[in-house]
Amino acid sequence: MDRALEEIVSACLIDSRIRDLVENIATMDNEKRNEFKKKMNIYFAGRSAEEDVQAYRFYKLVLEKYDEILEEVRKREGSERGGTP
């Protein structure tokens, strides 16, 4: 798992708001996810502040890898609770 994905997984385990965001994206159908992606691209177009660039990368990665992120979150939660990963 690359560093950026690792950071998002860790953030999901620490901050329920981030996990909720990833789960909301995961529950969208493809049409809604594509619509969200278009809106995100429009919003971040022309923005160059470091915070904006980081936020754009975050959303882009979550949109592409939401299933992998949530799978790893659940695996880690299971191992933290003593369950099988």
PDB file of N, CA and C in Angstrom:
ATOM      1  N   MET A   1       0.855  -1.181   0.000  1.00  0.00           N
ATOM      2  CA  MET A   1       0.000   0.000   0.000  1.00  0.00           C
ATOM      3  C   MET A   1       0.895   1.235   0.000  1.00  0.00           C
ATOM      4  N   ASP A   2       0.590   2.157  -0.882  1.00  0.00           N
ATOM      5  CA  ASP A   2       1.443   3.346  -0.954  1.00  0.00           C
ATOM      6  C   ASP A   2       1.173   4.296   0.220  1.00  0.00           C
ATOM      7  N   ARG A   3       2.053   5.227   0.379  1.00  0.00           N
ATOM      8  CA  ARG A   3       2.039   6.126   1.538  1.00  0.00           C
ATOM      9  C   ARG A   3       0.748   6.935   1.648  1.00  0.00           C
ATOM     10  N   ALA A   4       0.269   7.453   0.539  1.00  0.00           N
ATOM     11  CA  ALA A   4      -0.943   8.275   0.557  1.00  0.00           C
ATOM     12  C   ALA A   4      -2.152   7.450   1.010  1.00  0.00           C
ATOM     13  N   LEU A   5      -2.279   6.226   0.498  1.00  0.00           N
ATOM     14  CA  LEU A   5      -3.373   5.354   0.925  1.00  0.00           C
ATOM     15  C   LEU A   5      -3.240   5.014   2.402  1.00  0.00           C
ATOM     16  N   GLU A   6      -2.025   4.752   2.830  1.00  0.00           N
ATOM     17  CA  GLU A   6      -1.757   4.449   4.233  1.00  0.00           C
ATOM     18  C   GLU A   6      -2.213   5.606   5.129  1.00  0.00           C
ATOM     19  N   GLU A   7      -1.932   6.819   4.721  1.00  0.00           N
ATOM     20  CA  GLU A   7      -2.332   7.993   5.498  1.00  0.00           C
ATOM     21  C   GLU A   7      -3.852   8.123   5.573  1.00  0.00           C
ATOM     22  N   ILE A   8      -4.532   7.831   4.479  1.00  0.00           N
ATOM     23  CA  ILE A   8      -5.996   7.920   4.484  1.00  0.00           C
ATOM     24  C   ILE A   8      -6.586   6.832   5.376  1.00  0.00           C
ATOM     25  N   VAL A   9      -6.063   5.625   5.302  1.00  0.00           N
ATOM     26  CA  VAL A   9      -6.533   4.540   6.164  1.00  0.00           C
ATOM     27  C   VAL A   9      -6.343   4.922   7.629  1.00  0.00           C
ATOM     28  N   SER A  10      -5.176   5.412   7.969  1.00  0.00           N
ATOM     29  CA  SER A  10      -4.908   5.826   9.352  1.00  0.00           C
ATOM     30  C   SER A  10      -5.852   6.937   9.788  1.00  0.00           C
ATOM     31  N   ALA A  11      -6.101   7.891   8.892  1.00  0.00           N
ATOM     32  CA  ALA A  11      -7.014   8.989   9.210  1.00  0.00           C
ATOM     33  C   ALA A  11      -8.426   8.465   9.444  1.00  0.00           C
ATOM     34  N   CYS A  12      -8.857   7.486   8.660  1.00  0.00           N
ATOM     35  CA  CYS A  12     -10.190   6.897   8.847  1.00  0.00           C
ATOM     36  C   CYS A  12     -10.313   6.236  10.215  1.00  0.00           C
ATOM     37  N   LEU A  13      -9.240   5.638  10.686  1.00  0.00           N
ATOM     38  CA  LEU A  13      -9.263   4.972  11.988  1.00  0.00           C
ATOM     39  C   LEU A  13      -9.290   5.972  13.137  1.00  0.00           C
ATOM     40  N   ILE A  14      -8.777   7.160  12.895  1.00  0.00           N
ATOM     41  CA  ILE A  14      -8.683   8.184  13.939  1.00  0.00           C
ATOM     42  C   ILE A  14      -9.877   9.134  13.914  1.00  0.00           C
ATOM     43  N   ASP A  15     -10.330   9.489  12.722  1.00  0.00           N
ATOM     44  CA  ASP A  15     -11.345  10.542  12.562  1.00  0.00           C
ATOM     45  C   ASP A  15     -12.573   9.977  11.845  1.00  0.00           C
ATOM     46  N   SER A  16     -13.665   9.871  12.564  1.00  0.00           N
ATOM     47  CA  SER A  16     -14.877   9.290  11.985  1.00  0.00           C
ATOM     48  C   SER A  16     -15.432  10.131  10.834  1.00  0.00           C
ATOM     49  N   ARG A  17     -15.135  11.429  10.813  1.00  0.00           N
ATOM     50  CA  ARG A  17     -15.619  12.275   9.711  1.00  0.00           C
ATOM     51  C   ARG A  17     -14.979  11.859   8.391  1.00  0.00           C
ATOM     52  N   ILE A  18     -13.712  11.515   8.428  1.00  0.00           N
ATOM     53  CA  ILE A  18     -13.030  11.088   7.202  1.00  0.00           C
ATOM     54  C   ILE A  18     -13.560   9.727   6.764  1.00  0.00           C
ATOM     55  N   ARG A  19     -13.727   8.837   7.739  1.00  0.00           N
ATOM     56  CA  ARG A  19     -14.281   7.527   7.396  1.00  0.00           C
ATOM     57  C   ARG A  19     -15.678   7.675   6.812  1.00  0.00           C
ATOM     58  N   ASP A  20     -16.505   8.531   7.414  1.00  0.00           N
ATOM     59  CA  ASP A  20     -17.853   8.760   6.889  1.00  0.00           C
ATOM     60  C   ASP A  20     -17.808   9.251   5.447  1.00  0.00           C
ATOM     61  N   LEU A  21     -16.875  10.137   5.148  1.00  0.00           N
ATOM     62  CA  LEU A  21     -16.735  10.657   3.797  1.00  0.00           C
ATOM     63  C   LEU A  21     -16.391   9.533   2.816  1.00  0.00           C
ATOM     64  N   VAL A  22     -15.424   8.692   3.197  1.00  0.00           N
ATOM     65  CA  VAL A  22     -15.032   7.571   2.330  1.00  0.00           C
ATOM     66  C   VAL A  22     -16.209   6.609   2.161  1.00  0.00           C
ATOM     67  N   GLU A  23     -16.928   6.324   3.254  1.00  0.00           N
ATOM     68  CA  GLU A  23     -18.074   5.423   3.158  1.00  0.00           C
ATOM     69  C   GLU A  23     -19.182   6.017   2.297  1.00  0.00           C
ATOM     70  N   ASN A  24     -19.401   7.321   2.395  1.00  0.00           N
ATOM     71  CA  ASN A  24     -20.412   7.968   1.548  1.00  0.00           C
ATOM     72  C   ASN A  24     -20.056   7.855   0.071  1.00  0.00           C
ATOM     73  N   ILE A  25     -18.801   8.049  -0.247  1.00  0.00           N
ATOM     74  CA  ILE A  25     -18.361   7.906  -1.639  1.00  0.00           C
ATOM     75  C   ILE A  25     -18.531   6.459  -2.091  1.00  0.00           C
ATOM     76  N   ALA A  26     -18.239   5.521  -1.210  1.00  0.00           N
ATOM     77  CA  ALA A  26     -18.369   4.099  -1.546  1.00  0.00           C
ATOM     78  C   ALA A  26     -19.814   3.705  -1.828  1.00  0.00           C
ATOM     79  N   THR A  27     -20.772   4.362  -1.173  1.00  0.00           N
ATOM     80  CA  THR A  27     -22.177   3.994  -1.370  1.00  0.00           C
ATOM     81  C   THR A  27     -22.816   4.673  -2.578  1.00  0.00           C
ATOM     82  N   MET A  28     -22.112   5.615  -3.178  1.00  0.00           N
ATOM     83  CA  MET A  28     -22.642   6.278  -4.376  1.00  0.00           C
ATOM     84  C   MET A  28     -22.637   5.294  -5.547  1.00  0.00           C
ATOM     85  N   ASP A  29     -23.636   5.407  -6.404  1.00  0.00           N
ATOM     86  CA  ASP A  29     -23.571   4.628  -7.636  1.00  0.00           C
ATOM     87  C   ASP A  29     -22.583   5.322  -8.582  1.00  0.00           C
ATOM     88  N   ASN A  30     -22.237   4.661  -9.651  1.00  0.00           N
ATOM     89  CA  ASN A  30     -21.225   5.203 -10.564  1.00  0.00           C
ATOM     90  C   ASN A  30     -21.600   6.570 -11.108  1.00  0.00           C
ATOM     91  N   GLU A  31     -22.878   6.765 -11.396  1.00  0.00           N
ATOM     92  CA  GLU A  31     -23.323   8.052 -11.940  1.00  0.00           C
ATOM     93  C   GLU A  31     -23.094   9.178 -10.926  1.00  0.00           C
ATOM     94  N   LYS A  32     -23.483   8.956  -9.682  1.00  0.00           N
ATOM     95  CA  LYS A  32     -23.292   9.977  -8.647  1.00  0.00           C
ATOM     96  C   LYS A  32     -21.812  10.209  -8.372  1.00  0.00           C
ATOM     97  N   ARG A  33     -21.028   9.124  -8.388  1.00  0.00           N
ATOM     98  CA  ARG A  33     -19.594   9.255  -8.159  1.00  0.00           C
ATOM     99  C   ARG A  33     -18.953  10.074  -9.269  1.00  0.00           C
ATOM    100  N   ASN A  34     -19.350   9.836 -10.510  1.00  0.00           N
ATOM    101  CA  ASN A  34     -18.816  10.614 -11.630  1.00  0.00           C
ATOM    102  C   ASN A  34     -19.249  12.071 -11.552  1.00  0.00           C
ATOM    103  N   GLU A  35     -20.483  12.311 -11.128  1.00  0.00           N
ATOM    104  CA  GLU A  35     -20.969  13.673 -10.958  1.00  0.00           C
ATOM    105  C   GLU A  35     -20.166  14.392  -9.866  1.00  0.00           C
ATOM    106  N   PHE A  36     -19.914  13.695  -8.777  1.00  0.00           N
ATOM    107  CA  PHE A  36     -19.114  14.264  -7.687  1.00  0.00           C
ATOM    108  C   PHE A  36     -17.701  14.583  -8.177  1.00  0.00           C
ATOM    109  N   LYS A  37     -17.142  13.682  -8.957  1.00  0.00           N
ATOM    110  CA  LYS A  37     -15.792  13.884  -9.499  1.00  0.00           C
ATOM    111  C   LYS A  37     -15.751  15.126 -10.397  1.00  0.00           C
ATOM    112  N   LYS A  38     -16.756  15.305 -11.225  1.00  0.00           N
ATOM    113  CA  LYS A  38     -16.813  16.491 -12.090  1.00  0.00           C
ATOM    114  C   LYS A  38     -16.888  17.766 -11.262  1.00  0.00           C
ATOM    115  N   LYS A  39     -17.743  17.764 -10.248  1.00  0.00           N
ATOM    116  CA  LYS A  39     -17.872  18.937  -9.381  1.00  0.00           C
ATOM    117  C   LYS A  39     -16.560  19.233  -8.664  1.00  0.00           C
ATOM    118  N   MET A  40     -15.890  18.174  -8.221  1.00  0.00           N
ATOM    119  CA  MET A  40     -14.612  18.334  -7.547  1.00  0.00           C
ATOM    120  C   MET A  40     -13.578  18.945  -8.503  1.00  0.00           C
ATOM    121  N   ASN A  41     -13.540  18.458  -9.731  1.00  0.00           N
ATOM    122  CA  ASN A  41     -12.596  18.989 -10.717  1.00  0.00           C
ATOM    123  C   ASN A  41     -12.863  20.459 -11.007  1.00  0.00           C
ATOM    124  N   ILE A  42     -14.137  20.822 -11.106  1.00  0.00           N
ATOM    125  CA  ILE A  42     -14.486  22.221 -11.338  1.00  0.00           C
ATOM    126  C   ILE A  42     -14.073  23.070 -10.145  1.00  0.00           C
ATOM    127  N   TYR A  43     -14.374  22.588  -8.948  1.00  0.00           N
ATOM    128  CA  TYR A  43     -14.049  23.342  -7.740  1.00  0.00           C
ATOM    129  C   TYR A  43     -12.545  23.596  -7.619  1.00  0.00           C
ATOM    130  N   PHE A  44     -11.742  22.586  -7.878  1.00  0.00           N
ATOM    131  CA  PHE A  44     -10.299  22.709  -7.684  1.00  0.00           C
ATOM    132  C   PHE A  44      -9.552  23.252  -8.906  1.00  0.00           C
ATOM    133  N   ALA A  45     -10.233  23.447 -10.017  1.00  0.00           N
ATOM    134  CA  ALA A  45      -9.583  23.982 -11.220  1.00  0.00           C
ATOM    135  C   ALA A  45      -9.003  25.359 -10.914  1.00  0.00           C
ATOM    136  N   GLY A  46      -7.751  25.523 -11.230  1.00  0.00           N
ATOM    137  CA  GLY A  46      -7.097  26.812 -11.047  1.00  0.00           C
ATOM    138  C   GLY A  46      -6.655  27.110  -9.626  1.00  0.00           C
ATOM    139  N   ARG A  47      -6.931  26.231  -8.710  1.00  0.00           N
ATOM    140  CA  ARG A  47      -6.488  26.450  -7.325  1.00  0.00           C
ATOM    141  C   ARG A  47      -5.095  25.869  -7.167  1.00  0.00           C
ATOM    142  N   SER A  48      -4.216  26.661  -6.579  1.00  0.00           N
ATOM    143  CA  SER A  48      -2.833  26.201  -6.474  1.00  0.00           C
ATOM    144  C   SER A  48      -2.273  26.256  -5.061  1.00  0.00           C
ATOM    145  N   ALA A  49      -3.079  26.681  -4.096  1.00  0.00           N
ATOM    146  CA  ALA A  49      -2.609  26.690  -2.705  1.00  0.00           C
ATOM    147  C   ALA A  49      -2.326  25.251  -2.282  1.00  0.00           C
ATOM    148  N   GLU A  50      -1.336  25.075  -1.452  1.00  0.00           N
ATOM    149  CA  GLU A  50      -0.932  23.732  -1.026  1.00  0.00           C
ATOM    150  C   GLU A  50      -2.104  22.949  -0.431  1.00  0.00           C
ATOM    151  N   GLU A  51      -2.950  23.615   0.374  1.00  0.00           N
ATOM    152  CA  GLU A  51      -4.097  22.929   0.983  1.00  0.00           C
ATOM    153  C   GLU A  51      -5.062  22.429  -0.084  1.00  0.00           C
ATOM    154  N   ASP A  52      -5.258  23.236  -1.115  1.00  0.00           N
ATOM    155  CA  ASP A  52      -6.151  22.843  -2.194  1.00  0.00           C
ATOM    156  C   ASP A  52      -5.591  21.659  -2.971  1.00  0.00           C
ATOM    157  N   VAL A  53      -4.307  21.693  -3.241  1.00  0.00           N
ATOM    158  CA  VAL A  53      -3.661  20.597  -3.972  1.00  0.00           C
ATOM    159  C   VAL A  53      -3.767  19.303  -3.161  1.00  0.00           C
ATOM    160  N   GLN A  54      -3.523  19.387  -1.859  1.00  0.00           N
ATOM    161  CA  GLN A  54      -3.626  18.201  -1.003  1.00  0.00           C
ATOM    162  C   GLN A  54      -5.056  17.683  -0.947  1.00  0.00           C
ATOM    163  N   ALA A  55      -6.018  18.585  -0.834  1.00  0.00           N
ATOM    164  CA  ALA A  55      -7.426  18.176  -0.792  1.00  0.00           C
ATOM    165  C   ALA A  55      -7.826  17.517  -2.108  1.00  0.00           C
ATOM    166  N   TYR A  56      -7.387  18.092  -3.221  1.00  0.00           N
ATOM    167  CA  TYR A  56      -7.687  17.504  -4.523  1.00  0.00           C
ATOM    168  C   TYR A  56      -7.114  16.101  -4.619  1.00  0.00           C
ATOM    169  N   ARG A  57      -5.868  15.921  -4.217  1.00  0.00           N
ATOM    170  CA  ARG A  57      -5.240  14.588  -4.257  1.00  0.00           C
ATOM    171  C   ARG A  57      -5.989  13.596  -3.365  1.00  0.00           C
ATOM    172  N   PHE A  58      -6.411  14.066  -2.195  1.00  0.00           N
ATOM    173  CA  PHE A  58      -7.169  13.218  -1.280  1.00  0.00           C
ATOM    174  C   PHE A  58      -8.449  12.721  -1.956  1.00  0.00           C
ATOM    175  N   TYR A  59      -9.252  13.648  -2.463  1.00  0.00           N
ATOM    176  CA  TYR A  59     -10.517  13.258  -3.085  1.00  0.00           C
ATOM    177  C   TYR A  59     -10.302  12.375  -4.306  1.00  0.00           C
ATOM    178  N   LYS A  60      -9.312  12.706  -5.093  1.00  0.00           N
ATOM    179  CA  LYS A  60      -9.019  11.906  -6.287  1.00  0.00           C
ATOM    180  C   LYS A  60      -8.681  10.472  -5.894  1.00  0.00           C
ATOM    181  N   LEU A  61      -7.843  10.319  -4.888  1.00  0.00           N
ATOM    182  CA  LEU A  61      -7.447   8.989  -4.437  1.00  0.00           C
ATOM    183  C   LEU A  61      -8.622   8.236  -3.826  1.00  0.00           C
ATOM    184  N   VAL A  62      -9.423   8.919  -3.020  1.00  0.00           N
ATOM    185  CA  VAL A  62     -10.590   8.268  -2.420  1.00  0.00           C
ATOM    186  C   VAL A  62     -11.566   7.818  -3.506  1.00  0.00           C
ATOM    187  N   LEU A  63     -11.785   8.644  -4.511  1.00  0.00           N
ATOM    188  CA  LEU A  63     -12.685   8.260  -5.600  1.00  0.00           C
ATOM    189  C   LEU A  63     -12.172   7.049  -6.372  1.00  0.00           C
ATOM    190  N   GLU A  64     -10.873   6.912  -6.475  1.00  0.00           N
ATOM    191  CA  GLU A  64     -10.291   5.798  -7.219  1.00  0.00           C
ATOM    192  C   GLU A  64     -10.137   4.535  -6.373  1.00  0.00           C
ATOM    193  N   LYS A  65      -9.913   4.688  -5.067  1.00  0.00           N
ATOM    194  CA  LYS A  65      -9.529   3.545  -4.235  1.00  0.00           C
ATOM    195  C   LYS A  65     -10.396   3.350  -2.991  1.00  0.00           C
ATOM    196  N   TYR A  66     -11.626   3.865  -3.000  1.00  0.00           N
ATOM    197  CA  TYR A  66     -12.469   3.790  -1.801  1.00  0.00           C
ATOM    198  C   TYR A  66     -12.644   2.361  -1.295  1.00  0.00           C
ATOM    199  N   ASP A  67     -12.770   1.403  -2.205  1.00  0.00           N
ATOM    200  CA  ASP A  67     -12.963   0.020  -1.778  1.00  0.00           C
ATOM    201  C   ASP A  67     -11.722  -0.530  -1.076  1.00  0.00           C
ATOM    202  N   GLU A  68     -10.563  -0.241  -1.617  1.00  0.00           N
ATOM    203  CA  GLU A  68      -9.306  -0.684  -1.014  1.00  0.00           C
ATOM    204  C   GLU A  68      -9.096  -0.026   0.359  1.00  0.00           C
ATOM    205  N   ILE A  69      -9.433   1.239   0.458  1.00  0.00           N
ATOM    206  CA  ILE A  69      -9.281   1.970   1.724  1.00  0.00           C
ATOM    207  C   ILE A  69     -10.168   1.344   2.793  1.00  0.00           C
ATOM    208  N   LEU A  70     -11.446   1.153   2.478  1.00  0.00           N
ATOM    209  CA  LEU A  70     -12.371   0.613   3.472  1.00  0.00           C
ATOM    210  C   LEU A  70     -12.043  -0.827   3.837  1.00  0.00           C
ATOM    211  N   GLU A  71     -11.580  -1.596   2.883  1.00  0.00           N
ATOM    212  CA  GLU A  71     -11.177  -2.969   3.169  1.00  0.00           C
ATOM    213  C   GLU A  71     -10.041  -2.989   4.195  1.00  0.00           C
ATOM    214  N   GLU A  72      -9.065  -2.123   4.012  1.00  0.00           N
ATOM    215  CA  GLU A  72      -7.936  -2.065   4.937  1.00  0.00           C
ATOM    216  C   GLU A  72      -8.363  -1.533   6.304  1.00  0.00           C
ATOM    217  N   VAL A  73      -9.264  -0.548   6.323  1.00  0.00           N
ATOM    218  CA  VAL A  73      -9.776  -0.021   7.595  1.00  0.00           C
ATOM    219  C   VAL A  73     -10.456  -1.139   8.373  1.00  0.00           C
ATOM    220  N   ARG A  74     -11.310  -1.879   7.711  1.00  0.00           N
ATOM    221  CA  ARG A  74     -12.045  -2.971   8.381  1.00  0.00           C
ATOM    222  C   ARG A  74     -11.103  -4.072   8.852  1.00  0.00           C
ATOM    223  N   LYS A  75     -10.102  -4.352   8.044  1.00  0.00           N
ATOM    224  CA  LYS A  75      -9.122  -5.363   8.425  1.00  0.00           C
ATOM    225  C   LYS A  75      -8.388  -4.939   9.700  1.00  0.00           C
ATOM    226  N   ARG A  76      -7.975  -3.695   9.738  1.00  0.00           N
ATOM    227  CA  ARG A  76      -7.245  -3.208  10.910  1.00  0.00           C
ATOM    228  C   ARG A  76      -8.136  -3.126  12.137  1.00  0.00           C
ATOM    229  N   GLU A  77      -9.374  -2.732  11.942  1.00  0.00           N
ATOM    230  CA  GLU A  77     -10.301  -2.694  13.067  1.00  0.00           C
ATOM    231  C   GLU A  77     -10.503  -4.098  13.635  1.00  0.00           C
ATOM    232  N   GLY A  78     -10.603  -5.062  12.762  1.00  0.00           N
ATOM    233  CA  GLY A  78     -10.768  -6.451  13.200  1.00  0.00           C
ATOM    234  C   GLY A  78      -9.574  -6.944  13.988  1.00  0.00           C
ATOM    235  N   SER A  79      -8.386  -6.590  13.528  1.00  0.00           N
ATOM    236  CA  SER A  79      -7.184  -7.039  14.236  1.00  0.00           C
ATOM    237  C   SER A  79      -7.009  -6.296  15.552  1.00  0.00           C
ATOM    238  N   GLU A  80      -7.457  -5.033  15.630  1.00  0.00           N
ATOM    239  CA  GLU A  80      -7.374  -4.268  16.874  1.00  0.00           C
ATOM    240  C   GLU A  80      -8.326  -4.842  17.919  1.00  0.00           C
ATOM    241  N   ARG A  81      -9.431  -5.407  17.461  1.00  0.00           N
ATOM    242  CA  ARG A  81     -10.417  -5.956  18.387  1.00  0.00           C
ATOM    243  C   ARG A  81     -10.125  -7.421  18.714  1.00  0.00           C
ATOM    244  N   GLY A  82      -9.049  -7.926  18.145  1.00  0.00           N
ATOM    245  CA  GLY A  82      -8.697  -9.308  18.414  1.00  0.00           C
ATOM    246  C   GLY A  82      -9.314 -10.297  17.446  1.00  0.00           C
ATOM    247  N   GLY A  83      -9.986  -9.768  16.422  1.00  0.00           N
ATOM    248  CA  GLY A  83     -10.592 -10.626  15.418  1.00  0.00           C
ATOM    249  C   GLY A  83      -9.561 -11.023  14.390  1.00  0.00           C
ATOM    250  N   THR A  84      -9.987 -11.794  13.447  1.00  0.00           N
ATOM    251  CA  THR A  84      -9.065 -12.204  12.394  1.00  0.00           C
ATOM    252  C   THR A  84      -9.051 -11.140  11.315  1.00  0.00           C
ATOM    253  N   PRO A  85      -7.887 -10.787  10.834  1.00  0.00           N
ATOM    254  CA  PRO A  85      -7.771  -9.747   9.808  1.00  0.00           C
ATOM    255  C   PRO A  85      -8.356 -10.175   8.490  1.00  0.00           C
TER     256      PRO A  85
END
